[in-house]
Amino acid sequence: MKQPDLFGYDKTVELDGKYTAKVTAPIYEPKGRQPHILELLDQSKAKELIREIEASTVTAEEKAFLVEAAKRHNTFYYSKIADYYAHASFEMQILMEKSALVIIDFKQAIELGFVKLTQDMASVDNFGVKTVALYARDYTFQAAKDLGYKYFMILEDDYGGFQWRFGKYSEPINGIEMHKLDEVLLLMLNYYKSIDALSIAFAQGGDFIGGKEGGIMGGKSPRLRKCMNSFLCSTDRPFKFRGTFNDDVNTYVTLGTVGKLFLTIPIIALKQEPTQVTSGGMSDIYLAYGTYTKSFYTVMLQPSSVVVAMMITKHQRLHHMIKWECTVPKIIHEKWRKSS
């Protein structure tokens, strides 16, 4: 078996005749047809709210504020937006790039710098709860800088090991134990240095729900565009986590909507110990507030494309559900960008 790179092998490799590893970076290839511009945006929910606001008796200033807030419910269809971009004029392409409606070559959105979080701590509530991961996560950037480290990794759970994960034909996803983690971390670091992502992460067990066809290893899953539980970071690419609960999800969703990159390396997975039942850490907080409250933080921050739904696993529980098609801009090849 050849040593894989971070997104698979140079060619398909058979392991015992059952496994294959074929994972590609999340680049979107625009379709041939240019959609009508009215297909790019669904304003129905926002318009409904605005009609109700306009008919209300609140002050003019309050109406103006509520109208702007209602626009958060506009739903953008990023596949169609990318399709439209590929056929648009050069001037329109530049304006779309400045609004982070597409990302070009992993760099454009990061270089233009759309996001600047000015609050030191963005808890998104008034609970006053401080015994959560949010504050420690944010402090790690300063701690690494004080110690003279440029690159560092946040690991948030107890792990039973690390695995290579391969799609098994017609069977559930299995794992192959990893025995050379140092080499893998060096591969990850070299890949991270070569791109402009804010952070990259190992995959988690939940990413493989649905097996080869439905999970992250299916080759089409946009869940590559997230980071959870493990974060490879750099002090010269700082970002702020948001929310007392679900702060990792809140962060990659809200920053992802404006062109900031977070990526999961799907071929490598953590083996996590059971969460919310192990003593210590944040288990007591989760038990006190419940998973609905935890998941709803992301809905508050991104109501146009995130809902709370039932996650069907061995033990059913409420969990956030992200409509990725309406959450992050597509990454497309620079060949689609016209010249002046």
C-alpha atoms as a PDB file:
ATOM      1  CA  MET A   1       0.000   0.000   0.000  1.00  0.00           C
ATOM      2  CA  LYS A   2       1.444   3.390  -0.991  1.00  0.00           C
ATOM      3  CA  GLN A   3       1.567   6.226   1.520  1.00  0.00           C
ATOM      4  CA  PRO A   4      -1.384   8.479   0.617  1.00  0.00           C
ATOM      5  CA  ASP A   5      -1.198  12.223   0.353  1.00  0.00           C
ATOM      6  CA  LEU A   6      -3.856  14.349   2.055  1.00  0.00           C
ATOM      7  CA  PHE A   7      -6.443  13.957  -0.679  1.00  0.00           C
ATOM      8  CA  GLY A   8      -5.823  10.368  -1.748  1.00  0.00           C
ATOM      9  CA  TYR A   9      -3.345   8.430  -3.850  1.00  0.00           C
ATOM     10  CA  ASP A  10      -1.748   9.196  -7.199  1.00  0.00           C
ATOM     11  CA  LYS A  11      -3.905   6.378  -8.501  1.00  0.00           C
ATOM     12  CA  THR A  12      -6.625   4.095  -7.150  1.00  0.00           C
ATOM     13  CA  VAL A  13      -5.172   1.495  -4.795  1.00  0.00           C
ATOM     14  CA  GLU A  14      -6.907  -1.734  -3.881  1.00  0.00           C
ATOM     15  CA  LEU A  15      -6.555  -2.948  -0.292  1.00  0.00           C
ATOM     16  CA  ASP A  16      -7.558  -6.592   0.089  1.00  0.00           C
ATOM     17  CA  GLY A  17      -9.799  -6.033  -2.924  1.00  0.00           C
ATOM     18  CA  LYS A  18     -12.355  -4.122  -0.843  1.00  0.00           C
ATOM     19  CA  TYR A  19     -11.132  -0.592  -0.167  1.00  0.00           C
ATOM     20  CA  THR A  20     -10.546   2.440  -2.350  1.00  0.00           C
ATOM     21  CA  ALA A  21      -9.308   5.922  -1.588  1.00  0.00           C
ATOM     22  CA  LYS A  22     -10.404   8.650  -3.960  1.00  0.00           C
ATOM     23  CA  VAL A  23     -11.052  12.061  -2.459  1.00  0.00           C
ATOM     24  CA  THR A  24     -10.801  15.372  -4.268  1.00  0.00           C
ATOM     25  CA  ALA A  25     -10.514  18.960  -3.062  1.00  0.00           C
ATOM     26  CA  PRO A  26     -13.875  20.789  -2.948  1.00  0.00           C
ATOM     27  CA  ILE A  27     -13.595  22.631  -6.270  1.00  0.00           C
ATOM     28  CA  TYR A  28     -16.878  23.338  -8.037  1.00  0.00           C
ATOM     29  CA  GLU A  29     -17.019  23.015 -11.820  1.00  0.00           C
ATOM     30  CA  PRO A  30     -19.587  25.457 -13.271  1.00  0.00           C
ATOM     31  CA  LYS A  31     -22.233  24.020 -15.582  1.00  0.00           C
ATOM     32  CA  GLY A  32     -22.642  24.954 -19.230  1.00  0.00           C
ATOM     33  CA  ARG A  33     -25.895  26.914 -18.897  1.00  0.00           C
ATOM     34  CA  GLN A  34     -26.016  30.377 -17.390  1.00  0.00           C
ATOM     35  CA  PRO A  35     -29.007  30.502 -15.014  1.00  0.00           C
ATOM     36  CA  HIS A  36     -31.308  33.507 -14.991  1.00  0.00           C
ATOM     37  CA  ILE A  37     -30.220  36.004 -12.370  1.00  0.00           C
ATOM     38  CA  LEU A  38     -33.564  35.590 -10.563  1.00  0.00           C
ATOM     39  CA  GLU A  39     -32.632  31.946  -9.911  1.00  0.00           C
ATOM     40  CA  LEU A  40     -29.650  32.925  -7.754  1.00  0.00           C
ATOM     41  CA  LEU A  41     -31.599  34.226  -4.769  1.00  0.00           C
ATOM     42  CA  ASP A  42     -34.749  33.290  -2.865  1.00  0.00           C
ATOM     43  CA  GLN A  43     -36.215  36.376  -1.201  1.00  0.00           C
ATOM     44  CA  SER A  44     -39.598  34.914  -0.285  1.00  0.00           C
ATOM     45  CA  LYS A  45     -39.011  34.628   3.478  1.00  0.00           C
ATOM     46  CA  ALA A  46     -37.403  38.075   3.707  1.00  0.00           C
ATOM     47  CA  LYS A  47     -40.198  39.701   1.688  1.00  0.00           C
ATOM     48  CA  GLU A  48     -42.806  38.070   3.919  1.00  0.00           C
ATOM     49  CA  LEU A  49     -41.122  39.481   7.007  1.00  0.00           C
ATOM     50  CA  ILE A  50     -40.672  42.912   5.422  1.00  0.00           C
ATOM     51  CA  ARG A  51     -44.390  43.102   4.536  1.00  0.00           C
ATOM     52  CA  GLU A  52     -45.239  42.372   8.165  1.00  0.00           C
ATOM     53  CA  ILE A  53     -42.712  44.970   9.338  1.00  0.00           C
ATOM     54  CA  GLU A  54     -44.039  47.644   6.989  1.00  0.00           C
ATOM     55  CA  ALA A  55     -47.586  46.977   8.184  1.00  0.00           C
ATOM     56  CA  SER A  56     -46.594  47.319  11.831  1.00  0.00           C
ATOM     57  CA  THR A  57     -46.881  50.417  14.027  1.00  0.00           C
ATOM     58  CA  VAL A  58     -43.273  50.496  15.238  1.00  0.00           C
ATOM     59  CA  THR A  59     -41.209  53.626  14.634  1.00  0.00           C
ATOM     60  CA  ALA A  60     -39.577  54.391  11.284  1.00  0.00           C
ATOM     61  CA  GLU A  61     -36.129  53.781  12.780  1.00  0.00           C
ATOM     62  CA  GLU A  62     -37.247  50.419  14.149  1.00  0.00           C
ATOM     63  CA  LYS A  63     -38.730  49.482  10.783  1.00  0.00           C
ATOM     64  CA  ALA A  64     -35.480  50.332   9.013  1.00  0.00           C
ATOM     65  CA  PHE A  65     -33.549  48.154  11.453  1.00  0.00           C
ATOM     66  CA  LEU A  66     -35.977  45.228  11.177  1.00  0.00           C
ATOM     67  CA  VAL A  67     -35.975  45.408   7.378  1.00  0.00           C
ATOM     68  CA  GLU A  68     -32.186  45.053   7.329  1.00  0.00           C
ATOM     69  CA  ALA A  69     -32.414  42.171   9.813  1.00  0.00           C
ATOM     70  CA  ALA A  70     -35.050  40.460   7.668  1.00  0.00           C
ATOM     71  CA  LYS A  71     -32.635  40.377   4.739  1.00  0.00           C
ATOM     72  CA  ARG A  72     -30.615  37.777   6.659  1.00  0.00           C
ATOM     73  CA  HIS A  73     -33.306  35.336   5.582  1.00  0.00           C
ATOM     74  CA  ASN A  74     -32.448  35.769   1.900  1.00  0.00           C
ATOM     75  CA  THR A  75     -31.236  32.412   0.624  1.00  0.00           C
ATOM     76  CA  PHE A  76     -28.359  32.381  -1.870  1.00  0.00           C
ATOM     77  CA  TYR A  77     -27.902  29.364  -4.169  1.00  0.00           C
ATOM     78  CA  TYR A  78     -24.146  29.152  -4.557  1.00  0.00           C
ATOM     79  CA  SER A  79     -24.033  26.485  -7.284  1.00  0.00           C
ATOM     80  CA  LYS A  80     -26.188  28.657  -9.512  1.00  0.00           C
ATOM     81  CA  ILE A  81     -24.186  31.744  -8.493  1.00  0.00           C
ATOM     82  CA  ALA A  82     -20.981  30.010  -9.606  1.00  0.00           C
ATOM     83  CA  ASP A  83     -22.672  28.964 -12.860  1.00  0.00           C
ATOM     84  CA  TYR A  84     -23.737  32.567 -13.452  1.00  0.00           C
ATOM     85  CA  TYR A  85     -20.245  33.874 -12.648  1.00  0.00           C
ATOM     86  CA  ALA A  86     -18.635  31.666 -15.301  1.00  0.00           C
ATOM     87  CA  HIS A  87     -20.711  33.382 -18.024  1.00  0.00           C
ATOM     88  CA  ALA A  88     -20.783  36.913 -16.584  1.00  0.00           C
ATOM     89  CA  SER A  89     -18.910  39.944 -17.892  1.00  0.00           C
ATOM     90  CA  PHE A  90     -15.492  40.785 -16.444  1.00  0.00           C
ATOM     91  CA  GLU A  91     -16.959  43.751 -14.565  1.00  0.00           C
ATOM     92  CA  MET A  92     -19.707  41.593 -13.060  1.00  0.00           C
ATOM     93  CA  GLN A  93     -17.144  38.927 -12.090  1.00  0.00           C
ATOM     94  CA  ILE A  94     -15.038  41.482 -10.209  1.00  0.00           C
ATOM     95  CA  LEU A  95     -18.096  42.769  -8.334  1.00  0.00           C
ATOM     96  CA  MET A  96     -19.175  39.206  -7.466  1.00  0.00           C
ATOM     97  CA  GLU A  97     -15.684  38.459  -6.145  1.00  0.00           C
ATOM     98  CA  LYS A  98     -15.736  41.576  -3.968  1.00  0.00           C
ATOM     99  CA  SER A  99     -19.027  40.377  -2.447  1.00  0.00           C
ATOM    100  CA  ALA A 100     -17.487  36.917  -1.819  1.00  0.00           C
ATOM    101  CA  LEU A 101     -20.109  35.224  -3.969  1.00  0.00           C
ATOM    102  CA  VAL A 102     -17.391  32.941  -5.357  1.00  0.00           C
ATOM    103  CA  ILE A 103     -13.871  32.041  -4.253  1.00  0.00           C
ATOM    104  CA  ILE A 104     -11.104  31.901  -6.836  1.00  0.00           C
ATOM    105  CA  ASP A 105      -8.127  29.567  -6.457  1.00  0.00           C
ATOM    106  CA  PHE A 106      -8.262  29.318  -2.667  1.00  0.00           C
ATOM    107  CA  LYS A 107      -6.859  32.854  -2.328  1.00  0.00           C
ATOM    108  CA  GLN A 108      -9.110  35.637  -3.535  1.00  0.00           C
ATOM    109  CA  ALA A 109     -11.458  35.908  -0.586  1.00  0.00           C
ATOM    110  CA  ILE A 110      -8.700  35.608   2.000  1.00  0.00           C
ATOM    111  CA  GLU A 111      -6.510  38.228   0.310  1.00  0.00           C
ATOM    112  CA  LEU A 112      -9.330  40.748   0.041  1.00  0.00           C
ATOM    113  CA  GLY A 113     -10.073  40.340   3.749  1.00  0.00           C
ATOM    114  CA  PHE A 114     -13.846  40.463   4.101  1.00  0.00           C
ATOM    115  CA  VAL A 115     -14.170  39.578   7.757  1.00  0.00           C
ATOM    116  CA  LYS A 116     -13.001  41.568  10.741  1.00  0.00           C
ATOM    117  CA  LEU A 117     -14.348  40.548  14.114  1.00  0.00           C
ATOM    118  CA  THR A 118     -13.850  43.435  16.507  1.00  0.00           C
ATOM    119  CA  GLN A 119     -15.306  41.929  19.658  1.00  0.00           C
ATOM    120  CA  ASP A 120     -12.802  40.247  21.939  1.00  0.00           C
ATOM    121  CA  MET A 121     -15.281  37.572  22.984  1.00  0.00           C
ATOM    122  CA  ALA A 122     -18.396  36.854  20.945  1.00  0.00           C
ATOM    123  CA  SER A 123     -20.525  34.678  23.240  1.00  0.00           C
ATOM    124  CA  VAL A 124     -23.789  35.476  21.350  1.00  0.00           C
ATOM    125  CA  ASP A 125     -25.784  35.337  24.598  1.00  0.00           C
ATOM    126  CA  ASN A 126     -26.162  36.919  28.029  1.00  0.00           C
ATOM    127  CA  PHE A 127     -25.884  33.712  30.090  1.00  0.00           C
ATOM    128  CA  GLY A 128     -22.556  34.738  31.581  1.00  0.00           C
ATOM    129  CA  VAL A 129     -21.249  31.162  31.291  1.00  0.00           C
ATOM    130  CA  LYS A 130     -17.449  31.173  31.236  1.00  0.00           C
ATOM    131  CA  THR A 131     -16.646  27.474  31.734  1.00  0.00           C
ATOM    132  CA  VAL A 132     -16.827  26.713  28.009  1.00  0.00           C
ATOM    133  CA  ALA A 133     -14.268  26.086  25.273  1.00  0.00           C
ATOM    134  CA  LEU A 134     -14.816  29.459  23.539  1.00  0.00           C
ATOM    135  CA  TYR A 135     -12.401  31.452  25.656  1.00  0.00           C
ATOM    136  CA  ALA A 136      -9.658  28.838  25.753  1.00  0.00           C
ATOM    137  CA  ARG A 137      -9.861  28.395  21.976  1.00  0.00           C
ATOM    138  CA  ASP A 138      -9.459  32.111  21.373  1.00  0.00           C
ATOM    139  CA  TYR A 139      -6.566  32.397  23.833  1.00  0.00           C
ATOM    140  CA  THR A 140      -4.541  29.667  22.102  1.00  0.00           C
ATOM    141  CA  PHE A 141      -3.523  32.091  19.349  1.00  0.00           C
ATOM    142  CA  GLN A 142      -1.989  34.495  21.864  1.00  0.00           C
ATOM    143  CA  ALA A 143      -0.462  31.655  23.914  1.00  0.00           C
ATOM    144  CA  ALA A 144       1.246  30.202  20.820  1.00  0.00           C
ATOM    145  CA  LYS A 145       2.527  33.640  19.862  1.00  0.00           C
ATOM    146  CA  ASP A 146       3.896  34.250  23.374  1.00  0.00           C
ATOM    147  CA  LEU A 147       5.736  30.905  23.219  1.00  0.00           C
ATOM    148  CA  GLY A 148       7.220  31.740  19.828  1.00  0.00           C
ATOM    149  CA  TYR A 149       5.225  29.171  17.834  1.00  0.00           C
ATOM    150  CA  LYS A 150       3.761  30.054  14.443  1.00  0.00           C
ATOM    151  CA  TYR A 151       1.838  26.823  13.845  1.00  0.00           C
ATOM    152  CA  PHE A 152      -0.121  24.917  16.471  1.00  0.00           C
ATOM    153  CA  MET A 153      -2.986  22.437  16.722  1.00  0.00           C
ATOM    154  CA  ILE A 154      -6.024  22.472  18.999  1.00  0.00           C
ATOM    155  CA  LEU A 155      -7.170  18.954  19.979  1.00  0.00           C
ATOM    156  CA  GLU A 156     -10.349  19.002  22.031  1.00  0.00           C
ATOM    157  CA  ASP A 157     -11.236  15.477  23.115  1.00  0.00           C
ATOM    158  CA  ASP A 158      -9.820  12.241  24.443  1.00  0.00           C
ATOM    159  CA  TYR A 159      -8.828  10.089  21.461  1.00  0.00           C
ATOM    160  CA  GLY A 160      -8.497   6.353  21.169  1.00  0.00           C
ATOM    161  CA  GLY A 161      -6.331   6.717  18.094  1.00  0.00           C
ATOM    162  CA  PHE A 162      -6.224   7.963  14.534  1.00  0.00           C
ATOM    163  CA  GLN A 163      -7.322   6.109  11.412  1.00  0.00           C
ATOM    164  CA  TRP A 164      -7.128   6.077   7.654  1.00  0.00           C
ATOM    165  CA  ARG A 165     -10.752   5.988   6.436  1.00  0.00           C
ATOM    166  CA  PHE A 166     -11.583   4.360   3.117  1.00  0.00           C
ATOM    167  CA  GLY A 167     -14.857   3.901   1.278  1.00  0.00           C
ATOM    168  CA  LYS A 168     -15.740   0.208   1.295  1.00  0.00           C
ATOM    169  CA  TYR A 169     -17.830  -0.882  -1.666  1.00  0.00           C
ATOM    170  CA  SER A 170     -21.447  -1.573  -0.625  1.00  0.00           C
ATOM    171  CA  GLU A 171     -20.472  -1.743   3.046  1.00  0.00           C
ATOM    172  CA  PRO A 172     -20.140   0.736   5.944  1.00  0.00           C
ATOM    173  CA  ILE A 173     -17.016   2.867   6.298  1.00  0.00           C
ATOM    174  CA  ASN A 174     -14.239   1.096   8.191  1.00  0.00           C
ATOM    175  CA  GLY A 175     -10.892   2.366   9.396  1.00  0.00           C
ATOM    176  CA  ILE A 176      -7.245   1.319   9.234  1.00  0.00           C
ATOM    177  CA  GLU A 177      -5.185   2.191  12.295  1.00  0.00           C
ATOM    178  CA  MET A 178      -2.528   4.856  11.801  1.00  0.00           C
ATOM    179  CA  HIS A 179       0.904   4.222  13.302  1.00  0.00           C
ATOM    180  CA  LYS A 180       2.955   7.168  12.013  1.00  0.00           C
ATOM    181  CA  LEU A 181       1.076  10.225  13.222  1.00  0.00           C
ATOM    182  CA  ASP A 182       4.187  12.458  13.108  1.00  0.00           C
ATOM    183  CA  GLU A 183       4.494  11.921   9.363  1.00  0.00           C
ATOM    184  CA  VAL A 184       0.785  12.598   8.861  1.00  0.00           C
ATOM    185  CA  LEU A 185       0.950  15.830  10.862  1.00  0.00           C
ATOM    186  CA  LEU A 186       3.900  16.961   8.743  1.00  0.00           C
ATOM    187  CA  LEU A 187       1.873  16.250   5.586  1.00  0.00           C
ATOM    188  CA  MET A 188      -1.013  18.243   6.985  1.00  0.00           C
ATOM    189  CA  LEU A 189       1.239  21.137   7.948  1.00  0.00           C
ATOM    190  CA  ASN A 190       2.824  21.276   4.479  1.00  0.00           C
ATOM    191  CA  TYR A 191      -0.611  21.264   2.862  1.00  0.00           C
ATOM    192  CA  TYR A 192      -1.852  23.966   5.249  1.00  0.00           C
ATOM    193  CA  LYS A 193       1.155  26.152   4.422  1.00  0.00           C
ATOM    194  CA  SER A 194       0.389  25.859   0.705  1.00  0.00           C
ATOM    195  CA  ILE A 195      -3.181  27.226   0.901  1.00  0.00           C
ATOM    196  CA  ASP A 196      -4.936  30.183   2.481  1.00  0.00           C
ATOM    197  CA  ALA A 197      -7.382  28.304   4.697  1.00  0.00           C
ATOM    198  CA  LEU A 198      -7.802  29.666   8.201  1.00  0.00           C
ATOM    199  CA  SER A 199      -7.717  26.126   9.596  1.00  0.00           C
ATOM    200  CA  ILE A 200      -7.808  22.475   8.537  1.00  0.00           C
ATOM    201  CA  ALA A 201      -8.938  19.474  10.590  1.00  0.00           C
ATOM    202  CA  PHE A 202      -9.130  15.701  10.794  1.00  0.00           C
ATOM    203  CA  ALA A 203     -12.481  14.097  10.002  1.00  0.00           C
ATOM    204  CA  GLN A 204     -14.767  12.801  12.771  1.00  0.00           C
ATOM    205  CA  GLY A 205     -16.881   9.673  13.020  1.00  0.00           C
ATOM    206  CA  GLY A 206     -20.094  11.584  12.311  1.00  0.00           C
ATOM    207  CA  ASP A 207     -18.733  12.676   8.941  1.00  0.00           C
ATOM    208  CA  PHE A 208     -19.055   9.123   7.699  1.00  0.00           C
ATOM    209  CA  ILE A 209     -22.755   8.672   8.509  1.00  0.00           C
ATOM    210  CA  GLY A 210     -24.351   7.504   5.281  1.00  0.00           C
ATOM    211  CA  GLY A 211     -21.445   5.340   4.184  1.00  0.00           C
ATOM    212  CA  LYS A 212     -19.560   5.608   0.919  1.00  0.00           C
ATOM    213  CA  GLU A 213     -22.462   7.032  -1.074  1.00  0.00           C
ATOM    214  CA  GLY A 214     -23.917   9.429   1.474  1.00  0.00           C
ATOM    215  CA  GLY A 215     -21.026  10.399   3.711  1.00  0.00           C
ATOM    216  CA  ILE A 216     -17.965  12.530   3.332  1.00  0.00           C
ATOM    217  CA  MET A 217     -16.132   9.807   1.396  1.00  0.00           C
ATOM    218  CA  GLY A 218     -18.706   9.898  -1.382  1.00  0.00           C
ATOM    219  CA  GLY A 219     -16.531  12.485  -3.124  1.00  0.00           C
ATOM    220  CA  LYS A 220     -19.276  15.086  -3.432  1.00  0.00           C
ATOM    221  CA  SER A 221     -19.936  16.020   0.183  1.00  0.00           C
ATOM    222  CA  PRO A 222     -19.495  19.730   0.980  1.00  0.00           C
ATOM    223  CA  ARG A 223     -18.693  18.764   4.548  1.00  0.00           C
ATOM    224  CA  LEU A 224     -15.084  19.170   3.461  1.00  0.00           C
ATOM    225  CA  ARG A 225     -15.729  22.875   4.097  1.00  0.00           C
ATOM    226  CA  LYS A 226     -15.845  22.573   7.890  1.00  0.00           C
ATOM    227  CA  CYS A 227     -13.521  22.255  10.905  1.00  0.00           C
ATOM    228  CA  MET A 228     -14.425  20.570  14.175  1.00  0.00           C
ATOM    229  CA  ASN A 229     -12.625  19.123  17.193  1.00  0.00           C
ATOM    230  CA  SER A 230      -9.120  19.435  15.740  1.00  0.00           C
ATOM    231  CA  PHE A 231      -7.811  22.712  14.340  1.00  0.00           C
ATOM    232  CA  LEU A 232      -4.424  23.195  12.680  1.00  0.00           C
ATOM    233  CA  CYS A 233      -3.838  26.940  12.981  1.00  0.00           C
ATOM    234  CA  SER A 234      -1.292  29.674  12.444  1.00  0.00           C
ATOM    235  CA  THR A 235      -0.682  32.807  14.485  1.00  0.00           C
ATOM    236  CA  ASP A 236      -0.557  34.833  11.264  1.00  0.00           C
ATOM    237  CA  ARG A 237      -4.048  33.608  10.278  1.00  0.00           C
ATOM    238  CA  PRO A 238      -5.978  34.478  13.459  1.00  0.00           C
ATOM    239  CA  PHE A 239      -9.739  34.190  13.736  1.00  0.00           C
ATOM    240  CA  LYS A 240     -12.257  34.433  16.555  1.00  0.00           C
ATOM    241  CA  PHE A 241     -14.615  31.677  17.661  1.00  0.00           C
ATOM    242  CA  ARG A 242     -18.234  32.700  18.224  1.00  0.00           C
ATOM    243  CA  GLY A 243     -20.885  31.580  20.697  1.00  0.00           C
ATOM    244  CA  THR A 244     -20.980  30.036  24.151  1.00  0.00           C
ATOM    245  CA  PHE A 245     -22.138  26.783  22.557  1.00  0.00           C
ATOM    246  CA  ASN A 246     -21.434  25.249  19.140  1.00  0.00           C
ATOM    247  CA  ASP A 247     -18.691  27.821  18.711  1.00  0.00           C
ATOM    248  CA  ASP A 248     -16.724  25.693  16.240  1.00  0.00           C
ATOM    249  CA  VAL A 249     -19.755  25.279  13.965  1.00  0.00           C
ATOM    250  CA  ASN A 250     -20.758  28.929  14.413  1.00  0.00           C
ATOM    251  CA  THR A 251     -17.282  29.981  13.343  1.00  0.00           C
ATOM    252  CA  TYR A 252     -16.839  27.929  10.179  1.00  0.00           C
ATOM    253  CA  VAL A 253     -20.420  28.720   9.112  1.00  0.00           C
ATOM    254  CA  THR A 254     -20.389  32.493   9.667  1.00  0.00           C
ATOM    255  CA  LEU A 255     -16.874  33.012   8.327  1.00  0.00           C
ATOM    256  CA  GLY A 256     -17.488  30.511   5.539  1.00  0.00           C
ATOM    257  CA  THR A 257     -20.440  32.533   4.230  1.00  0.00           C
ATOM    258  CA  VAL A 258     -18.118  35.442   3.453  1.00  0.00           C
ATOM    259  CA  GLY A 259     -15.367  33.454   1.784  1.00  0.00           C
ATOM    260  CA  LYS A 260     -13.130  32.321   4.636  1.00  0.00           C
ATOM    261  CA  LEU A 261     -11.855  28.778   4.183  1.00  0.00           C
ATOM    262  CA  PHE A 262     -12.073  25.912   6.665  1.00  0.00           C
ATOM    263  CA  LEU A 263     -11.339  22.394   5.398  1.00  0.00           C
ATOM    264  CA  THR A 264     -11.625  18.852   6.742  1.00  0.00           C
ATOM    265  CA  ILE A 265      -9.138  16.262   5.459  1.00  0.00           C
ATOM    266  CA  PRO A 266     -11.562  13.390   4.841  1.00  0.00           C
ATOM    267  CA  ILE A 267      -9.111  10.531   4.523  1.00  0.00           C
ATOM    268  CA  ILE A 268      -7.873  10.894   8.123  1.00  0.00           C
ATOM    269  CA  ALA A 269     -10.179  10.441  11.120  1.00  0.00           C
ATOM    270  CA  LEU A 270     -10.047  10.821  14.882  1.00  0.00           C
ATOM    271  CA  LYS A 271     -11.306   8.040  17.137  1.00  0.00           C
ATOM    272  CA  GLN A 272     -13.202  10.015  19.773  1.00  0.00           C
ATOM    273  CA  GLU A 273     -14.378   8.817  23.140  1.00  0.00           C
ATOM    274  CA  PRO A 274     -18.161   9.162  23.751  1.00  0.00           C
ATOM    275  CA  THR A 275     -19.155  12.804  24.253  1.00  0.00           C
ATOM    276  CA  GLN A 276     -21.676  14.268  26.703  1.00  0.00           C
ATOM    277  CA  VAL A 277     -21.453  11.137  28.854  1.00  0.00           C
ATOM    278  CA  THR A 278     -17.798  11.331  29.882  1.00  0.00           C
ATOM    279  CA  SER A 279     -17.260  13.320  33.067  1.00  0.00           C
ATOM    280  CA  GLY A 280     -15.339  16.580  32.946  1.00  0.00           C
ATOM    281  CA  GLY A 281     -14.846  18.987  30.085  1.00  0.00           C
ATOM    282  CA  MET A 282     -18.111  20.511  28.894  1.00  0.00           C
ATOM    283  CA  SER A 283     -20.338  17.514  29.656  1.00  0.00           C
ATOM    284  CA  ASP A 284     -21.995  19.234  32.639  1.00  0.00           C
ATOM    285  CA  ILE A 285     -22.771  22.338  30.560  1.00  0.00           C
ATOM    286  CA  TYR A 286     -24.263  20.280  27.725  1.00  0.00           C
ATOM    287  CA  LEU A 287     -26.409  18.316  30.167  1.00  0.00           C
ATOM    288  CA  ALA A 288     -27.607  21.516  31.848  1.00  0.00           C
ATOM    289  CA  TYR A 289     -28.623  23.337  28.652  1.00  0.00           C
ATOM    290  CA  GLY A 290     -29.348  20.456  26.272  1.00  0.00           C
ATOM    291  CA  THR A 291     -28.358  19.828  22.663  1.00  0.00           C
ATOM    292  CA  TYR A 292     -31.249  21.893  21.276  1.00  0.00           C
ATOM    293  CA  THR A 293     -29.882  25.051  22.900  1.00  0.00           C
ATOM    294  CA  LYS A 294     -26.372  24.149  21.751  1.00  0.00           C
ATOM    295  CA  SER A 295     -27.436  23.631  18.132  1.00  0.00           C
ATOM    296  CA  PHE A 296     -29.709  26.674  18.003  1.00  0.00           C
ATOM    297  CA  TYR A 297     -26.784  29.068  18.373  1.00  0.00           C
ATOM    298  CA  THR A 298     -25.834  28.398  14.747  1.00  0.00           C
ATOM    299  CA  VAL A 299     -29.447  28.957  13.661  1.00  0.00           C
ATOM    300  CA  MET A 300     -29.387  32.384  15.333  1.00  0.00           C
ATOM    301  CA  LEU A 301     -26.227  33.314  13.457  1.00  0.00           C
ATOM    302  CA  GLN A 302     -27.175  31.804  10.077  1.00  0.00           C
ATOM    303  CA  PRO A 303     -30.978  31.413   9.928  1.00  0.00           C
ATOM    304  CA  SER A 304     -31.113  31.297   6.128  1.00  0.00           C
ATOM    305  CA  SER A 305     -29.337  27.943   5.836  1.00  0.00           C
ATOM    306  CA  VAL A 306     -29.174  26.226   9.254  1.00  0.00           C
ATOM    307  CA  VAL A 307     -31.971  24.427  11.136  1.00  0.00           C
ATOM    308  CA  VAL A 308     -32.220  22.118  14.125  1.00  0.00           C
ATOM    309  CA  ALA A 309     -33.246  18.598  13.158  1.00  0.00           C
ATOM    310  CA  MET A 310     -33.172  15.062  14.510  1.00  0.00           C
ATOM    311  CA  MET A 311     -29.897  13.248  13.853  1.00  0.00           C
ATOM    312  CA  ILE A 312     -30.604   9.576  13.316  1.00  0.00           C
ATOM    313  CA  THR A 313     -27.793   7.484  14.762  1.00  0.00           C
ATOM    314  CA  LYS A 314     -27.734   4.744  17.400  1.00  0.00           C
ATOM    315  CA  HIS A 315     -29.078   7.311  19.856  1.00  0.00           C
ATOM    316  CA  GLN A 316     -31.344   9.921  18.245  1.00  0.00           C
ATOM    317  CA  ARG A 317     -30.695  13.513  19.266  1.00  0.00           C
ATOM    318  CA  LEU A 318     -31.342  17.032  18.102  1.00  0.00           C
ATOM    319  CA  HIS A 319     -28.500  18.477  16.089  1.00  0.00           C
ATOM    320  CA  HIS A 320     -27.759  21.367  13.741  1.00  0.00           C
ATOM    321  CA  MET A 321     -28.333  20.680  10.039  1.00  0.00           C
ATOM    322  CA  ILE A 322     -26.545  22.878   7.517  1.00  0.00           C
ATOM    323  CA  LYS A 323     -27.818  23.414   3.993  1.00  0.00           C
ATOM    324  CA  TRP A 324     -24.367  23.731   2.486  1.00  0.00           C
ATOM    325  CA  GLU A 325     -25.630  24.726  -0.938  1.00  0.00           C
ATOM    326  CA  CYS A 326     -26.824  27.994   0.619  1.00  0.00           C
ATOM    327  CA  THR A 327     -24.021  28.495   3.138  1.00  0.00           C
ATOM    328  CA  VAL A 328     -20.574  28.738   1.529  1.00  0.00           C
ATOM    329  CA  PRO A 329     -19.454  30.160  -1.828  1.00  0.00           C
ATOM    330  CA  LYS A 330     -18.196  27.574  -4.305  1.00  0.00           C
ATOM    331  CA  ILE A 331     -14.482  27.275  -5.008  1.00  0.00           C
ATOM    332  CA  ILE A 332     -13.951  27.318  -8.759  1.00  0.00           C
ATOM    333  CA  HIS A 333     -10.894  27.091 -10.989  1.00  0.00           C
ATOM    334  CA  GLU A 334      -9.314  30.332 -12.173  1.00  0.00           C
ATOM    335  CA  LYS A 335      -9.852  29.262 -15.809  1.00  0.00           C
ATOM    336  CA  TRP A 336     -13.403  30.619 -15.469  1.00  0.00           C
ATOM    337  CA  ARG A 337     -12.141  34.107 -14.632  1.00  0.00           C
ATOM    338  CA  LYS A 338     -12.164  36.426 -17.620  1.00  0.00           C
ATOM    339  CA  SER A 339      -9.362  38.890 -18.270  1.00  0.00           C
ATOM    340  CA  SER A 340      -9.900  42.588 -18.773  1.00  0.00           C
END
